[in-house]
Amino acid sequence: MSHKKKILLVNLGSPKSPAVEDVKSYLREFLGNPKLVNINPLIWKIILHFFILPFRPKHSAKMYQRIWDGSSFPLIKHSNEFCEKLNEQLGHKFDIQIVYSVPKLSLEAYFNNQTFEENEKVFIFPLFPQYSKSTTGLLEDGIKGLLLKNNLKINPIIIKHFYHSLA
């Protein structure tokens, strides 16, 4: 019996809601990654916790409120719909799932809840508009960490530049 090839779509994610506390939590996780900003991590932590997080979430929550449909944000809604459409077309050959890098729990849940064969290939498509250390680079680091943490011996193939394809 042959099993389906695994394809993992990854997008950045959104806060749980436009509530100030949810936006603050989202920004804390996203901006709290020490590899995101190329300055001394201690200095960045001070800037984040004393100058950004006390003030920015309130303003950002107002902006998020403008695009909130009452249950989701467009990024989440459209990413999920995209995954559903791919499954309709390709689901007979591929196991296609979508996760979000922020909150990190989504990515962790994928690797914790899947059954993998040793050296199994998992094709990972970051759905970011271009390669960036702050998006795809952090995703790569996160996946490597999760594989080590869970002692998974799989072969993640991160497709970094699929947008160059003529297909």
Foldseek 3Di string as FASTA:
>chain_A
DDDAAAEEEEEADDFQALPLVSLLLQCCQLQLPQQQDPDDSVVSVCCCPPPPSVPPSVVVSVVRVVQDPPGDGPVVVVVVVVQVVCCVVCVVRHDYDYFYVVVVVRVLCVVVPDDDDAQREYEYEYPDPADDCSGVVVVVVSVVVSCVVVVHRYHYHYDHPPVVDPD
